[in-house]
C-alpha atoms as a PDB file:
ATOM      1  CA  MET A   1      63.099 -18.544   7.135  1.00  0.00           C
ATOM      2  CA  TYR A   2      60.401 -20.130   5.214  1.00  0.00           C
ATOM      3  CA  CYS A   3      56.989 -19.023   4.220  1.00  0.00           C
ATOM      4  CA  LYS A   4      54.266 -20.787   5.818  1.00  0.00           C
ATOM      5  CA  TYR A   5      51.897 -20.634   2.879  1.00  0.00           C
ATOM      6  CA  CYS A   6      54.089 -21.568   0.110  1.00  0.00           C
ATOM      7  CA  GLY A   7      57.175 -23.101   2.008  1.00  0.00           C
ATOM      8  CA  GLU A   8      59.574 -21.187  -0.233  1.00  0.00           C
ATOM      9  CA  LYS A   9      62.651 -19.559   1.564  1.00  0.00           C
ATOM     10  CA  ILE A  10      62.519 -15.955   2.285  1.00  0.00           C
ATOM     11  CA  ASP A  11      64.824 -13.382   3.861  1.00  0.00           C
ATOM     12  CA  GLU A  12      64.249 -13.204   7.711  1.00  0.00           C
ATOM     13  CA  ASP A  13      63.532  -9.425   7.712  1.00  0.00           C
ATOM     14  CA  SER A  14      60.902  -9.729   4.814  1.00  0.00           C
ATOM     15  CA  ILE A  15      57.056  -8.704   5.577  1.00  0.00           C
ATOM     16  CA  PHE A  16      55.828 -10.278   2.444  1.00  0.00           C
ATOM     17  CA  CYS A  17      56.772 -13.456   0.657  1.00  0.00           C
ATOM     18  CA  SER A  18      58.439 -12.705  -2.737  1.00  0.00           C
ATOM     19  CA  HIS A  19      56.928 -15.742  -4.314  1.00  0.00           C
ATOM     20  CA  CYS A  20      53.261 -15.999  -3.228  1.00  0.00           C
ATOM     21  CA  GLY A  21      52.667 -12.459  -1.988  1.00  0.00           C
ATOM     22  CA  LYS A  22      51.305 -13.468   1.452  1.00  0.00           C
ATOM     23  CA  ARG A  23      51.989 -11.469   4.498  1.00  0.00           C
ATOM     24  CA  ILE A  24      53.336 -12.747   7.882  1.00  0.00           C
ATOM     25  CA  CYS A  25      55.994 -15.446   7.322  1.00  0.00           C
ATOM     26  CA  ALA A  26      56.344 -18.461   9.651  1.00  0.00           C
ATOM     27  CA  PRO A  27      60.298 -18.916  10.766  1.00  0.00           C
ATOM     28  CA  LYS A  28      59.768 -22.711  11.642  1.00  0.00           C
ATOM     29  CA  ALA A  29      58.217 -24.042   8.650  1.00  0.00           C
ATOM     30  CA  SER A  30      60.176 -26.275   6.348  1.00  0.00           C
ATOM     31  CA  VAL A  31      59.671 -27.735   2.732  1.00  0.00           C
ATOM     32  CA  GLU A  32      59.326 -31.041   3.907  1.00  0.00           C
ATOM     33  CA  GLU A  33      56.624 -30.085   6.747  1.00  0.00           C
ATOM     34  CA  ILE A  34      54.592 -28.327   4.147  1.00  0.00           C
ATOM     35  CA  ALA A  35      55.004 -31.539   1.594  1.00  0.00           C
ATOM     36  CA  LEU A  36      53.386 -33.413   4.482  1.00  0.00           C
ATOM     37  CA  LEU A  37      50.377 -31.698   4.623  1.00  0.00           C
ATOM     38  CA  GLY A  38      48.799 -33.502   1.772  1.00  0.00           C
ATOM     39  CA  GLU A  39      50.115 -36.831   2.802  1.00  0.00           C
ATOM     40  CA  SER A  40      49.656 -37.052   6.664  1.00  0.00           C
ATOM     41  CA  GLU A  41      46.129 -37.840   8.222  1.00  0.00           C
ATOM     42  CA  GLU A  42      46.786 -34.858  11.006  1.00  0.00           C
ATOM     43  CA  LEU A  43      48.403 -31.636  10.655  1.00  0.00           C
ATOM     44  CA  PRO A  44      51.841 -31.253  12.042  1.00  0.00           C
ATOM     45  CA  LYS A  45      51.766 -29.977  15.574  1.00  0.00           C
ATOM     46  CA  ASN A  46      53.927 -26.934  14.903  1.00  0.00           C
ATOM     47  CA  LEU A  47      51.870 -25.771  12.273  1.00  0.00           C
ATOM     48  CA  ASP A  48      48.397 -26.624  13.726  1.00  0.00           C
ATOM     49  CA  LYS A  49      47.944 -23.380  15.465  1.00  0.00           C
ATOM     50  CA  ASP A  50      48.950 -21.370  12.148  1.00  0.00           C
ATOM     51  CA  ILE A  51      46.647 -22.963  10.054  1.00  0.00           C
ATOM     52  CA  ALA A  52      43.740 -22.955  12.582  1.00  0.00           C
ATOM     53  CA  THR A  53      44.455 -18.894  12.770  1.00  0.00           C
ATOM     54  CA  ILE A  54      44.512 -18.864   8.799  1.00  0.00           C
ATOM     55  CA  ILE A  55      41.012 -20.277   8.717  1.00  0.00           C
ATOM     56  CA  GLN A  56      39.638 -18.099  11.382  1.00  0.00           C
ATOM     57  CA  ARG A  57      40.906 -15.168   9.581  1.00  0.00           C
ATOM     58  CA  MET A  58      39.555 -16.434   6.404  1.00  0.00           C
ATOM     59  CA  GLU A  59      36.199 -16.959   8.107  1.00  0.00           C
ATOM     60  CA  GLN A  60      36.137 -13.290   9.365  1.00  0.00           C
ATOM     61  CA  GLU A  61      37.081 -11.933   6.286  1.00  0.00           C
ATOM     62  CA  PHE A  62      34.391 -13.728   4.331  1.00  0.00           C
ATOM     63  CA  ARG A  63      31.583 -12.614   6.970  1.00  0.00           C
ATOM     64  CA  ARG A  64      32.891  -8.937   6.960  1.00  0.00           C
ATOM     65  CA  GLU A  65      32.574  -9.144   3.061  1.00  0.00           C
ATOM     66  CA  GLN A  66      29.130 -10.616   3.063  1.00  0.00           C
ATOM     67  CA  VAL A  67      27.989  -7.883   5.564  1.00  0.00           C
ATOM     68  CA  ALA A  68      29.430  -5.266   3.495  1.00  0.00           C
ATOM     69  CA  ASN A  69      27.832  -6.488   0.152  1.00  0.00           C
ATOM     70  CA  GLU A  70      24.376  -6.784   1.993  1.00  0.00           C
ATOM     71  CA  GLU A  71      24.717  -3.340   3.247  1.00  0.00           C
ATOM     72  CA  ALA A  72      25.682  -1.959  -0.195  1.00  0.00           C
ATOM     73  CA  LEU A  73      22.856  -3.934  -1.619  1.00  0.00           C
ATOM     74  CA  GLU A  74      20.388  -2.476   0.728  1.00  0.00           C
ATOM     75  CA  GLN A  75      21.409   1.224   0.265  1.00  0.00           C
ATOM     76  CA  ILE A  76      20.909   0.571  -3.774  1.00  0.00           C
ATOM     77  CA  GLU A  77      17.674  -0.763  -3.237  1.00  0.00           C
ATOM     78  CA  GLU A  78      16.568   2.181  -0.730  1.00  0.00           C
ATOM     79  CA  LYS A  79      17.918   4.668  -3.495  1.00  0.00           C
ATOM     80  CA  ASN A  80      15.939   2.966  -6.184  1.00  0.00           C
ATOM     81  CA  ASP A  81      13.055   2.815  -3.830  1.00  0.00           C
ATOM     82  CA  ILE A  82      12.660  -1.123  -4.394  1.00  0.00           C
ATOM     83  CA  SER A  83      13.195  -4.121  -2.542  1.00  0.00           C
ATOM     84  CA  LYS A  84      14.478  -7.556  -3.005  1.00  0.00           C
ATOM     85  CA  GLU A  85      10.734  -8.896  -3.117  1.00  0.00           C
ATOM     86  CA  GLU A  86       9.688  -6.290  -5.606  1.00  0.00           C
ATOM     87  CA  LYS A  87      12.525  -7.451  -8.057  1.00  0.00           C
ATOM     88  CA  LYS A  88      11.254 -10.763  -8.109  1.00  0.00           C
ATOM     89  CA  GLY A  89       7.666  -9.513  -8.397  1.00  0.00           C
ATOM     90  CA  GLU A  90       6.530 -10.937  -5.115  1.00  0.00           C
ATOM     91  CA  CYS A  91       5.462  -7.785  -3.424  1.00  0.00           C
ATOM     92  CA  PHE A  92       5.429  -4.165  -3.072  1.00  0.00           C
ATOM     93  CA  PRO A  93       8.471  -2.339  -1.299  1.00  0.00           C
ATOM     94  CA  VAL A  94       8.973  -3.359   2.020  1.00  0.00           C
ATOM     95  CA  THR A  95      11.806  -1.245   3.400  1.00  0.00           C
ATOM     96  CA  ASN A  96       9.708   1.471   4.400  1.00  0.00           C
ATOM     97  CA  GLU A  97       6.008   1.013   5.677  1.00  0.00           C
ATOM     98  CA  GLN A  98       4.979   4.480   4.463  1.00  0.00           C
ATOM     99  CA  LYS A  99       6.436   4.122   1.046  1.00  0.00           C
ATOM    100  CA  LYS A 100       4.782   0.535   0.757  1.00  0.00           C
ATOM    101  CA  ASN A 101       1.291   1.650   1.691  1.00  0.00           C
ATOM    102  CA  LYS A 102       1.430   4.880  -0.661  1.00  0.00           C
ATOM    103  CA  ARG A 103       2.681   2.708  -3.572  1.00  0.00           C
ATOM    104  CA  ILE A 104      -0.148   0.288  -2.817  1.00  0.00           C
ATOM    105  CA  GLU A 105      -2.511   3.073  -2.837  1.00  0.00           C
ATOM    106  CA  GLU A 106      -1.382   4.527  -5.876  1.00  0.00           C
ATOM    107  CA  VAL A 107      -1.611   1.117  -7.874  1.00  0.00           C
ATOM    108  CA  LEU A 108      -5.339   0.568  -6.525  1.00  0.00           C
ATOM    109  CA  SER A 109      -6.545   4.217  -7.082  1.00  0.00           C
ATOM    110  CA  HIS A 110      -5.846   3.551 -10.833  1.00  0.00           C
ATOM    111  CA  ILE A 111      -8.231   0.726 -11.030  1.00  0.00           C
ATOM    112  CA  PRO A 112     -10.930   1.567 -13.614  1.00  0.00           C
ATOM    113  CA  SER A 113     -14.634   1.986 -12.157  1.00  0.00           C
ATOM    114  CA  LYS A 114     -15.962   0.991 -15.555  1.00  0.00           C
ATOM    115  CA  ALA A 115     -16.416  -2.793 -15.921  1.00  0.00           C
ATOM    116  CA  SER A 116     -15.953  -4.460 -19.258  1.00  0.00           C
ATOM    117  CA  GLU A 117     -17.924  -7.209 -21.027  1.00  0.00           C
ATOM    118  CA  ASP A 118     -14.993  -9.826 -20.436  1.00  0.00           C
ATOM    119  CA  GLU A 119     -15.135  -8.909 -16.804  1.00  0.00           C
ATOM    120  CA  PHE A 120     -18.575 -10.395 -16.680  1.00  0.00           C
ATOM    121  CA  ILE A 121     -17.875 -13.217 -18.458  1.00  0.00           C
ATOM    122  CA  THR A 122     -15.475 -14.438 -16.124  1.00  0.00           C
ATOM    123  CA  ALA A 123     -17.241 -13.000 -12.875  1.00  0.00           C
ATOM    124  CA  TRP A 124     -17.345 -14.630  -9.540  1.00  0.00           C
ATOM    125  CA  GLN A 125     -20.800 -14.538  -7.812  1.00  0.00           C
ATOM    126  CA  ASP A 126     -21.343 -14.461  -3.973  1.00  0.00           C
ATOM    127  CA  LYS A 127     -24.135 -16.033  -2.076  1.00  0.00           C
ATOM    128  CA  LYS A 128     -26.547 -12.952  -2.881  1.00  0.00           C
ATOM    129  CA  ASN A 129     -25.511 -13.203  -6.536  1.00  0.00           C
ATOM    130  CA  ALA A 130     -23.240  -9.930  -6.518  1.00  0.00           C
ATOM    131  CA  SER A 131     -20.619 -10.242  -9.026  1.00  0.00           C
ATOM    132  CA  TYR A 132     -16.912  -9.708  -8.462  1.00  0.00           C
ATOM    133  CA  ASN A 133     -13.802  -9.720 -10.305  1.00  0.00           C
ATOM    134  CA  ILE A 134     -11.551 -11.565  -8.105  1.00  0.00           C
ATOM    135  CA  GLY A 135      -8.529 -10.667 -10.196  1.00  0.00           C
ATOM    136  CA  SER A 136      -8.560  -6.961  -9.658  1.00  0.00           C
ATOM    137  CA  ASN A 137     -10.934  -7.037  -6.334  1.00  0.00           C
ATOM    138  CA  VAL A 138     -13.721  -4.965  -7.748  1.00  0.00           C
ATOM    139  CA  LEU A 139     -17.634  -5.323  -7.070  1.00  0.00           C
ATOM    140  CA  LEU A 140     -18.940  -5.505 -10.762  1.00  0.00           C
ATOM    141  CA  LYS A 141     -22.609  -5.600 -10.105  1.00  0.00           C
ATOM    142  CA  GLY A 142     -24.662  -5.629  -7.125  1.00  0.00           C
ATOM    143  CA  SER A 143     -26.960  -8.309  -5.830  1.00  0.00           C
ATOM    144  CA  SER A 144     -30.077  -8.580  -8.101  1.00  0.00           C
ATOM    145  CA  GLU A 145     -32.297 -10.266  -5.155  1.00  0.00           C
ATOM    146  CA  GLU A 146     -34.467  -8.323  -2.651  1.00  0.00           C
ATOM    147  CA  TYR A 147     -32.089  -7.826   0.082  1.00  0.00           C
ATOM    148  CA  VAL A 148     -32.511  -4.977   2.344  1.00  0.00           C
ATOM    149  CA  GLU A 149     -28.856  -5.034   3.482  1.00  0.00           C
ATOM    150  CA  TYR A 150     -25.678  -5.943   1.792  1.00  0.00           C
ATOM    151  CA  LYS A 151     -22.125  -5.981   2.897  1.00  0.00           C
ATOM    152  CA  VAL A 152     -19.450  -5.723   0.266  1.00  0.00           C
ATOM    153  CA  LEU A 153     -16.796  -8.369   0.588  1.00  0.00           C
ATOM    154  CA  LYS A 154     -13.504  -7.752   2.438  1.00  0.00           C
ATOM    155  CA  GLY A 155     -10.340  -6.805   0.116  1.00  0.00           C
ATOM    156  CA  VAL A 156     -12.690  -5.111  -2.362  1.00  0.00           C
ATOM    157  CA  VAL A 157     -11.005  -1.991  -3.668  1.00  0.00           C
ATOM    158  CA  CYS A 158     -13.664  -0.385  -5.985  1.00  0.00           C
ATOM    159  CA  ILE A 159     -17.431  -0.721  -6.491  1.00  0.00           C
ATOM    160  CA  CYS A 160     -17.816  -0.171 -10.338  1.00  0.00           C
ATOM    161  CA  ASP A 161     -19.930   2.110 -12.080  1.00  0.00           C
ATOM    162  CA  SER A 162     -23.902   1.700 -11.713  1.00  0.00           C
ATOM    163  CA  ALA A 163     -23.169  -1.504  -9.610  1.00  0.00           C
ATOM    164  CA  PHE A 164     -26.624  -0.876  -7.590  1.00  0.00           C
ATOM    165  CA  TYR A 165     -28.022   1.634 -10.041  1.00  0.00           C
ATOM    166  CA  LYS A 166     -31.834   1.555  -9.482  1.00  0.00           C
ATOM    167  CA  ASN A 167     -31.933  -1.286  -6.887  1.00  0.00           C
ATOM    168  CA  SER A 168     -35.406  -0.912  -5.427  1.00  0.00           C
ATOM    169  CA  SER A 169     -34.781  -2.836  -2.362  1.00  0.00           C
ATOM    170  CA  ILE A 170     -31.508  -2.041  -0.740  1.00  0.00           C
ATOM    171  CA  GLN A 171     -31.497  -0.081   2.453  1.00  0.00           C
ATOM    172  CA  SER A 172     -28.449  -0.231   3.961  1.00  0.00           C
ATOM    173  CA  VAL A 173     -24.668  -0.882   2.540  1.00  0.00           C
ATOM    174  CA  SER A 174     -21.569  -1.483   4.656  1.00  0.00           C
ATOM    175  CA  PHE A 175     -18.030  -1.150   2.960  1.00  0.00           C
ATOM    176  CA  PRO A 176     -14.765  -2.987   4.112  1.00  0.00           C
ATOM    177  CA  LYS A 177     -11.698  -0.850   4.970  1.00  0.00           C
ATOM    178  CA  SER A 178     -10.126  -1.710   1.898  1.00  0.00           C
ATOM    179  CA  LEU A 179     -12.377   0.271  -0.390  1.00  0.00           C
ATOM    180  CA  ILE A 180     -10.998   3.143  -2.123  1.00  0.00           C
ATOM    181  CA  THR A 181     -13.286   4.003  -4.832  1.00  0.00           C
ATOM    182  CA  ILE A 182     -17.350   4.319  -5.281  1.00  0.00           C
ATOM    183  CA  GLY A 183     -17.774   4.519  -9.182  1.00  0.00           C
ATOM    184  CA  SER A 184     -20.254   6.639 -11.066  1.00  0.00           C
ATOM    185  CA  PHE A 185     -23.901   6.221 -10.214  1.00  0.00           C
ATOM    186  CA  ALA A 186     -22.883   3.272  -8.124  1.00  0.00           C
ATOM    187  CA  PHE A 187     -26.206   3.805  -5.974  1.00  0.00           C
ATOM    188  CA  GLY A 188     -27.958   6.095  -8.056  1.00  0.00           C
ATOM    189  CA  ASP A 189     -31.726   6.047  -7.888  1.00  0.00           C
ATOM    190  CA  CYS A 190     -31.435   3.502  -4.671  1.00  0.00           C
ATOM    191  CA  GLU A 191     -34.734   5.441  -3.370  1.00  0.00           C
ATOM    192  CA  LYS A 192     -34.756   3.169  -0.231  1.00  0.00           C
ATOM    193  CA  LEU A 193     -31.336   3.331   0.555  1.00  0.00           C
ATOM    194  CA  LYS A 194     -31.186   5.183   4.170  1.00  0.00           C
ATOM    195  CA  GLU A 195     -27.721   4.251   5.909  1.00  0.00           C
ATOM    196  CA  VAL A 196     -24.197   3.977   4.106  1.00  0.00           C
ATOM    197  CA  PHE A 197     -21.245   3.168   6.282  1.00  0.00           C
ATOM    198  CA  LEU A 198     -17.742   4.385   4.849  1.00  0.00           C
ATOM    199  CA  HIS A 199     -14.189   3.871   6.224  1.00  0.00           C
ATOM    200  CA  LYS A 200     -11.259   6.001   6.392  1.00  0.00           C
ATOM    201  CA  GLY A 201      -9.836   4.230   3.052  1.00  0.00           C
ATOM    202  CA  ILE A 202     -12.142   5.934   0.784  1.00  0.00           C
ATOM    203  CA  LYS A 203     -10.515   8.633  -1.409  1.00  0.00           C
ATOM    204  CA  THR A 204     -12.878   8.993  -4.407  1.00  0.00           C
ATOM    205  CA  ILE A 205     -16.551   9.156  -4.556  1.00  0.00           C
ATOM    206  CA  LYS A 206     -17.397   9.606  -8.526  1.00  0.00           C
ATOM    207  CA  GLU A 207     -20.136  11.589 -10.201  1.00  0.00           C
ATOM    208  CA  GLY A 208     -23.773  10.739  -9.199  1.00  0.00           C
ATOM    209  CA  ALA A 209     -22.563   7.955  -7.039  1.00  0.00           C
ATOM    210  CA  PHE A 210     -25.785   8.422  -4.789  1.00  0.00           C
ATOM    211  CA  TRP A 211     -27.777  10.409  -7.124  1.00  0.00           C
ATOM    212  CA  GLY A 212     -31.527  10.362  -6.310  1.00  0.00           C
ATOM    213  CA  CYS A 213     -30.964   8.250  -2.913  1.00  0.00           C
ATOM    214  CA  LEU A 214     -34.183   9.956  -1.658  1.00  0.00           C
ATOM    215  CA  SER A 215     -33.942   8.180   1.782  1.00  0.00           C
ATOM    216  CA  LEU A 216     -30.481   8.817   2.649  1.00  0.00           C
ATOM    217  CA  ASN A 217     -30.480  10.766   5.761  1.00  0.00           C
ATOM    218  CA  ASP A 218     -26.964  10.636   7.029  1.00  0.00           C
ATOM    219  CA  ILE A 219     -23.316  10.071   5.737  1.00  0.00           C
ATOM    220  CA  LEU A 220     -20.014  10.368   7.719  1.00  0.00           C
ATOM    221  CA  PHE A 221     -17.213  11.243   5.570  1.00  0.00           C
ATOM    222  CA  TYR A 222     -13.614  10.647   7.168  1.00  0.00           C
ATOM    223  CA  GLU A 223     -10.408  12.328   6.589  1.00  0.00           C
ATOM    224  CA  GLY A 224      -8.570  10.629   3.572  1.00  0.00           C
ATOM    225  CA  LEU A 225     -11.501  11.391   1.350  1.00  0.00           C
ATOM    226  CA  GLU A 226      -9.930  13.388  -1.672  1.00  0.00           C
ATOM    227  CA  SER A 227     -12.552  13.893  -4.274  1.00  0.00           C
ATOM    228  CA  ILE A 228     -16.284  14.041  -4.580  1.00  0.00           C
ATOM    229  CA  GLY A 229     -17.276  14.039  -8.409  1.00  0.00           C
ATOM    230  CA  ASP A 230     -20.416  16.143  -9.925  1.00  0.00           C
ATOM    231  CA  ASP A 231     -23.921  15.416  -8.639  1.00  0.00           C
ATOM    232  CA  ALA A 232     -22.690  12.919  -6.292  1.00  0.00           C
ATOM    233  CA  PHE A 233     -25.400  13.573  -4.014  1.00  0.00           C
ATOM    234  CA  TYR A 234     -28.216  15.117  -6.032  1.00  0.00           C
ATOM    235  CA  ASN A 235     -31.462  14.913  -4.978  1.00  0.00           C
ATOM    236  CA  CYS A 236     -30.768  13.273  -1.795  1.00  0.00           C
ATOM    237  CA  LYS A 237     -33.755  15.037  -0.166  1.00  0.00           C
ATOM    238  CA  SER A 238     -33.432  13.384   3.200  1.00  0.00           C
ATOM    239  CA  LEU A 239     -29.879  14.653   3.924  1.00  0.00           C
ATOM    240  CA  LYS A 240     -29.976  17.096   6.856  1.00  0.00           C
ATOM    241  CA  LYS A 241     -26.255  17.861   8.129  1.00  0.00           C
ATOM    242  CA  ILE A 242     -22.961  16.639   6.774  1.00  0.00           C
ATOM    243  CA  THR A 243     -19.289  17.464   7.642  1.00  0.00           C
ATOM    244  CA  LEU A 244     -16.466  17.687   4.956  1.00  0.00           C
ATOM    245  CA  PRO A 245     -13.101  16.434   5.857  1.00  0.00           C
ATOM    246  CA  LYS A 246     -10.001  18.821   5.571  1.00  0.00           C
ATOM    247  CA  SER A 247      -8.500  16.187   3.045  1.00  0.00           C
ATOM    248  CA  LEU A 248     -11.153  16.811   0.355  1.00  0.00           C
ATOM    249  CA  LYS A 249      -9.250  18.518  -2.279  1.00  0.00           C
ATOM    250  CA  GLU A 250     -11.656  18.217  -5.383  1.00  0.00           C
ATOM    251  CA  ILE A 251     -15.467  18.822  -5.170  1.00  0.00           C
ATOM    252  CA  GLY A 252     -17.487  18.857  -8.255  1.00  0.00           C
ATOM    253  CA  GLU A 253     -20.472  20.721  -9.373  1.00  0.00           C
ATOM    254  CA  ARG A 254     -23.990  20.401  -7.834  1.00  0.00           C
ATOM    255  CA  VAL A 255     -22.821  17.814  -5.470  1.00  0.00           C
ATOM    256  CA  PHE A 256     -25.418  18.610  -2.983  1.00  0.00           C
ATOM    257  CA  GLU A 257     -27.962  20.173  -5.421  1.00  0.00           C
ATOM    258  CA  GLY A 258     -31.584  19.253  -4.818  1.00  0.00           C
ATOM    259  CA  CYS A 259     -31.033  18.250  -1.174  1.00  0.00           C
ATOM    260  CA  THR A 260     -33.844  20.238   0.227  1.00  0.00           C
ATOM    261  CA  SER A 261     -33.610  19.156   3.731  1.00  0.00           C
ATOM    262  CA  LEU A 262     -29.896  19.861   4.028  1.00  0.00           C
ATOM    263  CA  LYS A 263     -29.497  22.664   6.664  1.00  0.00           C
ATOM    264  CA  THR A 264     -25.886  22.772   7.387  1.00  0.00           C
ATOM    265  CA  ILE A 265     -22.606  21.838   5.719  1.00  0.00           C
ATOM    266  CA  PHE A 266     -19.557  21.924   8.192  1.00  0.00           C
ATOM    267  CA  VAL A 267     -16.330  22.742   6.629  1.00  0.00           C
ATOM    268  CA  PRO A 268     -12.875  23.145   7.813  1.00  0.00           C
ATOM    269  CA  LYS A 269     -12.397  26.841   9.190  1.00  0.00           C
ATOM    270  CA  ASP A 270      -9.368  27.710   6.695  1.00  0.00           C
ATOM    271  CA  ARG A 271     -11.291  26.664   3.585  1.00  0.00           C
ATOM    272  CA  VAL A 272     -14.786  28.103   4.021  1.00  0.00           C
ATOM    273  CA  GLU A 273     -14.772  30.431   1.327  1.00  0.00           C
ATOM    274  CA  PHE A 274     -13.427  27.786  -0.967  1.00  0.00           C
ATOM    275  CA  PHE A 275     -16.422  25.493  -0.128  1.00  0.00           C
ATOM    276  CA  ARG A 276     -18.865  28.204  -0.229  1.00  0.00           C
ATOM    277  CA  GLU A 277     -17.800  29.135  -3.724  1.00  0.00           C
ATOM    278  CA  LYS A 278     -17.526  25.414  -4.944  1.00  0.00           C
ATOM    279  CA  LEU A 279     -20.958  24.601  -3.649  1.00  0.00           C
ATOM    280  CA  LYS A 280     -22.592  27.696  -4.391  1.00  0.00           C
ATOM    281  CA  MET A 281     -24.022  27.953  -1.180  1.00  0.00           C
ATOM    282  CA  GLY A 282     -24.050  30.875   1.477  1.00  0.00           C
ATOM    283  CA  SER A 283     -23.165  31.341   5.106  1.00  0.00           C
ATOM    284  CA  GLU A 284     -26.375  30.064   6.322  1.00  0.00           C
ATOM    285  CA  ILE A 285     -25.357  26.368   5.360  1.00  0.00           C
ATOM    286  CA  VAL A 286     -21.659  26.325   4.750  1.00  0.00           C
ATOM    287  CA  LYS A 287     -20.162  26.853   8.331  1.00  0.00           C
ATOM    288  CA  PRO A 288     -16.758  26.305   9.869  1.00  0.00           C
ATOM    289  CA  LYS A 289     -16.509  23.133  11.644  1.00  0.00           C
ATOM    290  CA  PRO A 290     -16.976  23.860  15.311  1.00  0.00           C
ATOM    291  CA  THR A 291     -14.171  22.833  17.797  1.00  0.00           C
ATOM    292  CA  PHE A 292     -14.175  21.741  21.302  1.00  0.00           C
ATOM    293  CA  TRP A 293     -13.896  25.324  22.413  1.00  0.00           C
ATOM    294  CA  ASP A 294     -17.042  26.377  20.625  1.00  0.00           C
ATOM    295  CA  TRP A 295     -19.215  24.281  22.487  1.00  0.00           C
END
């Protein structure tokens, strides 16, 4: 009996070849037939089936090993909370959509709202002469022209400190869904500003963001807002009613001080006392948010 892999003679009852170590031996293979494999243009008929089987098994084993390696790599990547693309620096983790969104928000929320001199040197200006930093997706400075309405460009994540400070003409501003942060005094003393259109993505409104906006009569806060800084709406004399979301974790001092027309602040029922203490306002103003059954 001869081994079909190396052609060496082996015992008939052997399971493995003592020469090459391969398993399953072919009883009909001879040394001459094995030698002819390198010279003949076609395989000997009696070995054709055996060789094809070997190739098929090798391909199957290779595929199994390839799949096993890919599965092992995915497990390692998930354990370390990174993806193939992130390793290459091409994108954020994509193995889990929620983790991806969380990581993006964490990165973007740390973009500083204070613009540097270098940013203004390399700033890009839109048609209304507002200045943007394209690299970090921030609005550095609002339009210097006398525009009544302004729409912040899509993709912007932060409006820098004092961006529209003392703008005497703007009356309405709308933000993109990408916006996360409104900087300190970004719209401070915009006395004609009446309408502000926020989105669910906004998480931080910094100190004095809408300080002295005398004409601002309505603003809607969505769930997702986490922080409102000191004096954010100080002296907004036209505000009459607002509703604070349950997601709000931090609220500064004097946020609504000087808002002489403000009669009602609706807050989540389970946080009424918290907001009354923080805002230093009594039950005549700070009230539980009404539900469907309250109407």
